[in-house]
Amino acid sequence: MKAKGTPSGLGMIGLGMVGLAAVQSANATTEITFGGFTENNINISDIPNYGNNVTADSADYVVSVGAAGITGTPNIQLVWGVGYQTYTDWDGRGNVAQTDYNAAGGPDIDLILAPPSGYGVLISSFDLDAYAGGGDVSVSWSIFDIEGTLASGVWTQTDAGGRNTITTGLTVADIHPGEAVTLRLSRTSGAPSYLAMANLTFDQVPEPSTVALCAAGLGLGALAMRRRRK
């Protein structure tokens, strides 16, 4: 019978890569649908703890379970800037977070997502929506933290209105654990009260157990390589 050999360095590095992939796929996710709103034009900042520490599905949230068993985004808190308001049945497309630039008193409306030390937050996607009759619309969006701009773009719609999903393209490589992330929506054209956001999706990363898995895998790979070189 052939004796079993010691795993090669290449194989152990492969384990490390599996660990790294686990980190990237294990994010616990929350989607805010705003489906629980029952009144219009209420400041979201006045709704206690809206979007904070989400761990279960509800009329407002859809959550997923990460590989480490964490559900939703239990360690992420949101700060809704002036201008974010409730709105139901927005132009026939369901509930939204209206971005009322009249209420904001300026061209920018911010949403801050704040993780604690040891966790990062990643904004995956969100919908931007224009109510029909508000003129041609242009909104510049940007996502940034203390390190700088992470993603940005420009969204446009016609006077007919409509909705589009913005996919940010951010990955775990863009995460800075412990740093708050700001989503800024800057109106450059269109009626100031005819704009909204819906279906905001964000992730809590990294999860401690998957980080440990990655570190263990990479460490074993490096150890195996050192042994083979001796």
C-alpha atoms as a PDB file:
ATOM      1  CA  MET A   1       0.000   0.000   0.000  1.00  0.00           C
ATOM      2  CA  LYS A   2       1.335   3.429  -0.910  1.00  0.00           C
ATOM      3  CA  ALA A   3       2.142   5.537   2.139  1.00  0.00           C
ATOM      4  CA  LYS A   4       0.141   8.718   2.579  1.00  0.00           C
ATOM      5  CA  GLY A   5       2.245  11.770   1.899  1.00  0.00           C
ATOM      6  CA  THR A   6       2.328  15.113   3.643  1.00  0.00           C
ATOM      7  CA  PRO A   7       0.130  17.742   1.944  1.00  0.00           C
ATOM      8  CA  SER A   8       2.147  19.819  -0.463  1.00  0.00           C
ATOM      9  CA  GLY A   9       2.754  23.526  -0.011  1.00  0.00           C
ATOM     10  CA  LEU A  10       0.646  24.151  -3.103  1.00  0.00           C
ATOM     11  CA  GLY A  11      -2.220  22.233  -1.581  1.00  0.00           C
ATOM     12  CA  MET A  12      -1.979  24.142   1.667  1.00  0.00           C
ATOM     13  CA  ILE A  13      -1.927  27.436  -0.178  1.00  0.00           C
ATOM     14  CA  GLY A  14      -5.068  26.200  -1.890  1.00  0.00           C
ATOM     15  CA  LEU A  15      -6.650  25.849   1.535  1.00  0.00           C
ATOM     16  CA  GLY A  16      -5.683  29.412   2.261  1.00  0.00           C
ATOM     17  CA  MET A  17      -7.347  30.571  -0.941  1.00  0.00           C
ATOM     18  CA  VAL A  18     -10.482  28.697   0.068  1.00  0.00           C
ATOM     19  CA  GLY A  19     -10.377  30.592   3.347  1.00  0.00           C
ATOM     20  CA  LEU A  20     -10.012  33.883   1.504  1.00  0.00           C
ATOM     21  CA  ALA A  21     -12.948  33.010  -0.736  1.00  0.00           C
ATOM     22  CA  ALA A  22     -14.988  32.209   2.356  1.00  0.00           C
ATOM     23  CA  VAL A  23     -14.397  35.706   3.685  1.00  0.00           C
ATOM     24  CA  GLN A  24     -15.685  37.194   0.457  1.00  0.00           C
ATOM     25  CA  SER A  25     -18.813  34.998   0.341  1.00  0.00           C
ATOM     26  CA  ALA A  26     -19.706  34.923   4.021  1.00  0.00           C
ATOM     27  CA  ASN A  27     -20.998  38.457   4.417  1.00  0.00           C
ATOM     28  CA  ALA A  28     -24.193  38.853   6.406  1.00  0.00           C
ATOM     29  CA  THR A  29     -26.551  41.076   4.402  1.00  0.00           C
ATOM     30  CA  THR A  30     -29.505  43.387   5.016  1.00  0.00           C
ATOM     31  CA  GLU A  31     -31.810  44.817   2.370  1.00  0.00           C
ATOM     32  CA  ILE A  32     -33.954  47.739   3.512  1.00  0.00           C
ATOM     33  CA  THR A  33     -37.184  47.665   1.488  1.00  0.00           C
ATOM     34  CA  PHE A  34     -38.984  50.451   3.399  1.00  0.00           C
ATOM     35  CA  GLY A  35     -42.092  48.266   3.141  1.00  0.00           C
ATOM     36  CA  GLY A  36     -43.317  49.007   6.646  1.00  0.00           C
ATOM     37  CA  PHE A  37     -44.021  52.702   6.081  1.00  0.00           C
ATOM     38  CA  THR A  38     -47.677  53.656   6.628  1.00  0.00           C
ATOM     39  CA  GLU A  39     -47.469  57.463   6.380  1.00  0.00           C
ATOM     40  CA  ASN A  40     -45.869  59.960   4.026  1.00  0.00           C
ATOM     41  CA  ASN A  41     -43.301  62.679   4.673  1.00  0.00           C
ATOM     42  CA  ILE A  42     -42.121  61.518   8.089  1.00  0.00           C
ATOM     43  CA  ASN A  43     -38.420  62.139   8.675  1.00  0.00           C
ATOM     44  CA  ILE A  44     -36.743  58.734   8.789  1.00  0.00           C
ATOM     45  CA  SER A  45     -34.308  60.129  11.344  1.00  0.00           C
ATOM     46  CA  ASP A  46     -37.305  60.499  13.680  1.00  0.00           C
ATOM     47  CA  ILE A  47     -38.097  56.770  13.516  1.00  0.00           C
ATOM     48  CA  PRO A  48     -36.180  55.209  16.430  1.00  0.00           C
ATOM     49  CA  ASN A  49     -33.362  52.874  15.380  1.00  0.00           C
ATOM     50  CA  TYR A  50     -34.556  52.551  11.786  1.00  0.00           C
ATOM     51  CA  GLY A  51     -32.135  50.266   9.948  1.00  0.00           C
ATOM     52  CA  ASN A  52     -29.949  49.725  13.020  1.00  0.00           C
ATOM     53  CA  ASN A  53     -28.624  46.332  14.134  1.00  0.00           C
ATOM     54  CA  VAL A  54     -30.952  44.344  11.864  1.00  0.00           C
ATOM     55  CA  THR A  55     -31.132  40.606  12.614  1.00  0.00           C
ATOM     56  CA  ALA A  56     -34.487  39.400  11.228  1.00  0.00           C
ATOM     57  CA  ASP A  57     -36.864  39.766   8.313  1.00  0.00           C
ATOM     58  CA  SER A  58     -39.725  42.220   8.695  1.00  0.00           C
ATOM     59  CA  ALA A  59     -41.910  44.482   6.577  1.00  0.00           C
ATOM     60  CA  ASP A  60     -38.871  46.771   6.262  1.00  0.00           C
ATOM     61  CA  TYR A  61     -35.952  44.329   6.088  1.00  0.00           C
ATOM     62  CA  VAL A  62     -34.820  41.193   4.281  1.00  0.00           C
ATOM     63  CA  VAL A  63     -31.772  39.532   5.828  1.00  0.00           C
ATOM     64  CA  SER A  64     -29.424  36.718   4.882  1.00  0.00           C
ATOM     65  CA  VAL A  65     -27.270  34.447   7.025  1.00  0.00           C
ATOM     66  CA  GLY A  66     -23.494  34.522   6.650  1.00  0.00           C
ATOM     67  CA  ALA A  67     -21.291  31.427   6.801  1.00  0.00           C
ATOM     68  CA  ALA A  68     -20.426  32.124  10.439  1.00  0.00           C
ATOM     69  CA  GLY A  69     -24.099  32.043  11.424  1.00  0.00           C
ATOM     70  CA  ILE A  70     -24.493  35.811  11.755  1.00  0.00           C
ATOM     71  CA  THR A  71     -27.845  36.990  10.424  1.00  0.00           C
ATOM     72  CA  GLY A  72     -28.314  40.409   8.861  1.00  0.00           C
ATOM     73  CA  THR A  73     -26.168  43.310  10.031  1.00  0.00           C
ATOM     74  CA  PRO A  74     -26.354  43.194  13.837  1.00  0.00           C
ATOM     75  CA  ASN A  75     -23.407  45.537  14.388  1.00  0.00           C
ATOM     76  CA  ILE A  76     -24.175  48.268  11.837  1.00  0.00           C
ATOM     77  CA  GLN A  77     -25.945  51.507  12.755  1.00  0.00           C
ATOM     78  CA  LEU A  78     -27.419  54.033  10.319  1.00  0.00           C
ATOM     79  CA  VAL A  79     -27.633  57.816  10.553  1.00  0.00           C
ATOM     80  CA  TRP A  80     -30.302  59.185   8.206  1.00  0.00           C
ATOM     81  CA  GLY A  81     -29.533  62.692   7.013  1.00  0.00           C
ATOM     82  CA  VAL A  82     -32.021  65.537   6.698  1.00  0.00           C
ATOM     83  CA  GLY A  83     -34.156  64.992   3.600  1.00  0.00           C
ATOM     84  CA  TYR A  84     -34.800  61.264   3.935  1.00  0.00           C
ATOM     85  CA  GLN A  85     -38.552  60.863   4.423  1.00  0.00           C
ATOM     86  CA  THR A  86     -41.127  58.077   4.337  1.00  0.00           C
ATOM     87  CA  TYR A  87     -43.342  57.663   1.298  1.00  0.00           C
ATOM     88  CA  THR A  88     -45.897  54.959   0.466  1.00  0.00           C
ATOM     89  CA  ASP A  89     -46.907  53.714  -3.002  1.00  0.00           C
ATOM     90  CA  TRP A  90     -44.410  55.956  -4.758  1.00  0.00           C
ATOM     91  CA  ASP A  91     -45.656  56.408  -8.351  1.00  0.00           C
ATOM     92  CA  GLY A  92     -47.106  52.887  -8.219  1.00  0.00           C
ATOM     93  CA  ARG A  93     -43.785  51.254  -7.323  1.00  0.00           C
ATOM     94  CA  GLY A  94     -44.242  50.656  -3.612  1.00  0.00           C
ATOM     95  CA  ASN A  95     -42.692  52.279  -0.568  1.00  0.00           C
ATOM     96  CA  VAL A  96     -39.484  54.285  -0.745  1.00  0.00           C
ATOM     97  CA  ALA A  97     -37.224  56.598   1.193  1.00  0.00           C
ATOM     98  CA  GLN A  98     -38.039  59.905  -0.451  1.00  0.00           C
ATOM     99  CA  THR A  99     -35.019  62.167  -0.862  1.00  0.00           C
ATOM    100  CA  ASP A 100     -36.623  65.564  -0.370  1.00  0.00           C
ATOM    101  CA  TYR A 101     -34.085  68.210  -1.310  1.00  0.00           C
ATOM    102  CA  ASN A 102     -36.475  70.981  -0.275  1.00  0.00           C
ATOM    103  CA  ALA A 103     -36.339  69.610   3.267  1.00  0.00           C
ATOM    104  CA  ALA A 104     -32.588  69.112   3.015  1.00  0.00           C
ATOM    105  CA  GLY A 105     -32.064  72.746   2.084  1.00  0.00           C
ATOM    106  CA  GLY A 106     -29.209  71.932  -0.277  1.00  0.00           C
ATOM    107  CA  PRO A 107     -28.011  69.673  -3.089  1.00  0.00           C
ATOM    108  CA  ASP A 108     -26.733  66.803  -0.909  1.00  0.00           C
ATOM    109  CA  ILE A 109     -28.475  64.163   1.191  1.00  0.00           C
ATOM    110  CA  ASP A 110     -26.301  61.778   3.233  1.00  0.00           C
ATOM    111  CA  LEU A 111     -26.760  58.384   4.811  1.00  0.00           C
ATOM    112  CA  ILE A 112     -24.019  57.206   7.180  1.00  0.00           C
ATOM    113  CA  LEU A 113     -23.483  53.518   7.960  1.00  0.00           C
ATOM    114  CA  ALA A 114     -21.305  53.002  11.023  1.00  0.00           C
ATOM    115  CA  PRO A 115     -19.693  49.710  12.095  1.00  0.00           C
ATOM    116  CA  PRO A 116     -17.898  49.067  15.373  1.00  0.00           C
ATOM    117  CA  SER A 117     -14.202  48.280  15.612  1.00  0.00           C
ATOM    118  CA  GLY A 118     -13.415  44.960  13.969  1.00  0.00           C
ATOM    119  CA  TYR A 119     -16.214  45.120  11.410  1.00  0.00           C
ATOM    120  CA  GLY A 120     -16.607  46.839   8.077  1.00  0.00           C
ATOM    121  CA  VAL A 121     -19.670  47.839   6.083  1.00  0.00           C
ATOM    122  CA  LEU A 122     -20.081  47.409   2.340  1.00  0.00           C
ATOM    123  CA  ILE A 123     -22.890  49.033   0.353  1.00  0.00           C
ATOM    124  CA  SER A 124     -23.724  46.589  -2.431  1.00  0.00           C
ATOM    125  CA  SER A 125     -26.619  48.236  -4.267  1.00  0.00           C
ATOM    126  CA  PHE A 126     -29.575  50.592  -4.058  1.00  0.00           C
ATOM    127  CA  ASP A 127     -32.391  51.784  -6.306  1.00  0.00           C
ATOM    128  CA  LEU A 128     -32.869  55.385  -7.371  1.00  0.00           C
ATOM    129  CA  ASP A 129     -36.358  56.438  -8.453  1.00  0.00           C
ATOM    130  CA  ALA A 130     -37.886  59.499 -10.098  1.00  0.00           C
ATOM    131  CA  TYR A 131     -41.597  60.291  -9.830  1.00  0.00           C
ATOM    132  CA  ALA A 132     -43.155  61.129 -13.197  1.00  0.00           C
ATOM    133  CA  GLY A 133     -43.539  64.820 -13.970  1.00  0.00           C
ATOM    134  CA  GLY A 134     -40.473  66.113 -12.156  1.00  0.00           C
ATOM    135  CA  GLY A 135     -38.489  66.954 -15.262  1.00  0.00           C
ATOM    136  CA  ASP A 136     -35.298  65.351 -16.507  1.00  0.00           C
ATOM    137  CA  VAL A 137     -33.290  64.152 -13.517  1.00  0.00           C
ATOM    138  CA  SER A 138     -29.592  63.872 -12.753  1.00  0.00           C
ATOM    139  CA  VAL A 139     -28.203  62.680  -9.422  1.00  0.00           C
ATOM    140  CA  SER A 140     -24.524  62.173  -8.652  1.00  0.00           C
ATOM    141  CA  TRP A 141     -23.945  59.461  -6.065  1.00  0.00           C
ATOM    142  CA  SER A 142     -20.801  58.723  -4.121  1.00  0.00           C
ATOM    143  CA  ILE A 143     -19.718  56.345  -1.382  1.00  0.00           C
ATOM    144  CA  PHE A 144     -16.784  57.367   0.760  1.00  0.00           C
ATOM    145  CA  ASP A 145     -15.062  56.947   4.103  1.00  0.00           C
ATOM    146  CA  ILE A 146     -12.178  58.665   5.855  1.00  0.00           C
ATOM    147  CA  GLU A 147      -9.762  57.050   3.384  1.00  0.00           C
ATOM    148  CA  GLY A 148     -11.456  58.643   0.360  1.00  0.00           C
ATOM    149  CA  THR A 149     -14.019  57.883  -2.345  1.00  0.00           C
ATOM    150  CA  LEU A 150     -14.835  54.181  -2.702  1.00  0.00           C
ATOM    151  CA  ALA A 151     -17.320  54.367  -5.597  1.00  0.00           C
ATOM    152  CA  SER A 152     -19.256  57.010  -7.502  1.00  0.00           C
ATOM    153  CA  GLY A 153     -21.462  57.540 -10.524  1.00  0.00           C
ATOM    154  CA  VAL A 154     -24.223  59.580 -12.138  1.00  0.00           C
ATOM    155  CA  TRP A 155     -27.854  58.483 -12.477  1.00  0.00           C
ATOM    156  CA  THR A 156     -30.276  60.053 -14.927  1.00  0.00           C
ATOM    157  CA  GLN A 157     -33.968  59.698 -15.699  1.00  0.00           C
ATOM    158  CA  THR A 158     -36.431  61.457 -17.981  1.00  0.00           C
ATOM    159  CA  ASP A 159     -39.583  63.382 -17.100  1.00  0.00           C
ATOM    160  CA  ALA A 160     -41.505  60.112 -17.531  1.00  0.00           C
ATOM    161  CA  GLY A 161     -39.938  58.853 -14.303  1.00  0.00           C
ATOM    162  CA  GLY A 162     -38.750  55.367 -13.441  1.00  0.00           C
ATOM    163  CA  ARG A 163     -36.424  53.291 -11.306  1.00  0.00           C
ATOM    164  CA  ASN A 164     -32.931  51.897 -11.774  1.00  0.00           C
ATOM    165  CA  THR A 165     -30.734  49.690  -9.613  1.00  0.00           C
ATOM    166  CA  ILE A 166     -27.282  51.061  -8.863  1.00  0.00           C
ATOM    167  CA  THR A 167     -24.699  48.314  -8.308  1.00  0.00           C
ATOM    168  CA  THR A 168     -21.693  49.820  -6.576  1.00  0.00           C
ATOM    169  CA  GLY A 169     -19.085  47.224  -7.559  1.00  0.00           C
ATOM    170  CA  LEU A 170     -17.513  47.375  -4.097  1.00  0.00           C
ATOM    171  CA  THR A 171     -15.818  44.271  -2.682  1.00  0.00           C
ATOM    172  CA  VAL A 172     -14.226  43.263   0.612  1.00  0.00           C
ATOM    173  CA  ALA A 173     -10.986  44.771  -0.681  1.00  0.00           C
ATOM    174  CA  ASP A 174     -12.633  48.190  -0.264  1.00  0.00           C
ATOM    175  CA  ILE A 175     -13.505  47.641   3.394  1.00  0.00           C
ATOM    176  CA  HIS A 176     -11.801  49.576   6.190  1.00  0.00           C
ATOM    177  CA  PRO A 177     -12.914  47.934   9.453  1.00  0.00           C
ATOM    178  CA  GLY A 178     -14.234  50.316  12.070  1.00  0.00           C
ATOM    179  CA  GLU A 179     -14.695  53.224   9.649  1.00  0.00           C
ATOM    180  CA  ALA A 180     -18.083  54.792   8.917  1.00  0.00           C
ATOM    181  CA  VAL A 181     -19.185  54.856   5.280  1.00  0.00           C
ATOM    182  CA  THR A 182     -21.281  57.662   3.768  1.00  0.00           C
ATOM    183  CA  LEU A 183     -23.661  57.343   0.828  1.00  0.00           C
ATOM    184  CA  ARG A 184     -24.171  60.825  -0.639  1.00  0.00           C
ATOM    185  CA  LEU A 185     -26.882  61.638  -3.193  1.00  0.00           C
ATOM    186  CA  SER A 186     -26.327  64.990  -4.901  1.00  0.00           C
ATOM    187  CA  ARG A 187     -29.112  66.389  -7.098  1.00  0.00           C
ATOM    188  CA  THR A 188     -27.935  68.346 -10.124  1.00  0.00           C
ATOM    189  CA  SER A 189     -31.263  68.540 -12.001  1.00  0.00           C
ATOM    190  CA  GLY A 190     -34.902  67.569 -11.592  1.00  0.00           C
ATOM    191  CA  ALA A 191     -37.634  68.644  -9.188  1.00  0.00           C
ATOM    192  CA  PRO A 192     -36.306  68.500  -5.610  1.00  0.00           C
ATOM    193  CA  SER A 193     -39.225  66.499  -4.187  1.00  0.00           C
ATOM    194  CA  TYR A 194     -39.598  63.961  -6.997  1.00  0.00           C
ATOM    195  CA  LEU A 195     -36.679  61.692  -6.075  1.00  0.00           C
ATOM    196  CA  ALA A 196     -36.316  58.631  -3.862  1.00  0.00           C
ATOM    197  CA  MET A 197     -34.193  55.647  -2.888  1.00  0.00           C
ATOM    198  CA  ALA A 198     -35.379  52.059  -2.463  1.00  0.00           C
ATOM    199  CA  ASN A 199     -34.019  48.584  -1.732  1.00  0.00           C
ATOM    200  CA  LEU A 200     -30.761  49.557  -0.062  1.00  0.00           C
ATOM    201  CA  THR A 201     -28.541  46.490   0.334  1.00  0.00           C
ATOM    202  CA  PHE A 202     -25.452  46.448   2.547  1.00  0.00           C
ATOM    203  CA  ASP A 203     -23.174  43.855   4.112  1.00  0.00           C
ATOM    204  CA  GLN A 204     -21.430  43.420   7.430  1.00  0.00           C
ATOM    205  CA  VAL A 205     -17.821  42.292   6.865  1.00  0.00           C
ATOM    206  CA  PRO A 206     -15.649  40.602   7.870  1.00  0.00           C
ATOM    207  CA  GLU A 207     -17.018  37.973  10.179  1.00  0.00           C
ATOM    208  CA  PRO A 208     -14.502  36.929  12.835  1.00  0.00           C
ATOM    209  CA  SER A 209     -14.727  33.151  12.285  1.00  0.00           C
ATOM    210  CA  THR A 210     -14.160  33.398   8.534  1.00  0.00           C
ATOM    211  CA  VAL A 211     -11.233  35.741   9.049  1.00  0.00           C
ATOM    212  CA  ALA A 212      -9.754  33.152  11.417  1.00  0.00           C
ATOM    213  CA  LEU A 213     -10.338  30.455   8.805  1.00  0.00           C
ATOM    214  CA  CYS A 214      -8.570  32.508   6.169  1.00  0.00           C
ATOM    215  CA  ALA A 215      -5.635  33.280   8.461  1.00  0.00           C
ATOM    216  CA  ALA A 216      -5.301  29.644   9.472  1.00  0.00           C
ATOM    217  CA  GLY A 217      -5.360  28.481   5.865  1.00  0.00           C
ATOM    218  CA  LEU A 218      -2.793  31.010   4.718  1.00  0.00           C
ATOM    219  CA  GLY A 219      -0.620  30.327   7.750  1.00  0.00           C
ATOM    220  CA  LEU A 220      -0.599  26.583   7.121  1.00  0.00           C
ATOM    221  CA  GLY A 221       0.263  27.195   3.492  1.00  0.00           C
ATOM    222  CA  ALA A 222       3.212  29.385   4.414  1.00  0.00           C
ATOM    223  CA  LEU A 223       4.413  26.865   7.004  1.00  0.00           C
ATOM    224  CA  ALA A 224       4.273  24.043   4.483  1.00  0.00           C
ATOM    225  CA  MET A 225       6.265  26.073   1.970  1.00  0.00           C
ATOM    226  CA  ARG A 226       8.936  26.845   4.555  1.00  0.00           C
ATOM    227  CA  ARG A 227       9.248  23.156   5.440  1.00  0.00           C
ATOM    228  CA  ARG A 228       9.603  22.159   1.800  1.00  0.00           C
ATOM    229  CA  ARG A 229      12.406  24.669   1.300  1.00  0.00           C
ATOM    230  CA  LYS A 230      14.478  23.207   4.156  1.00  0.00           C
END
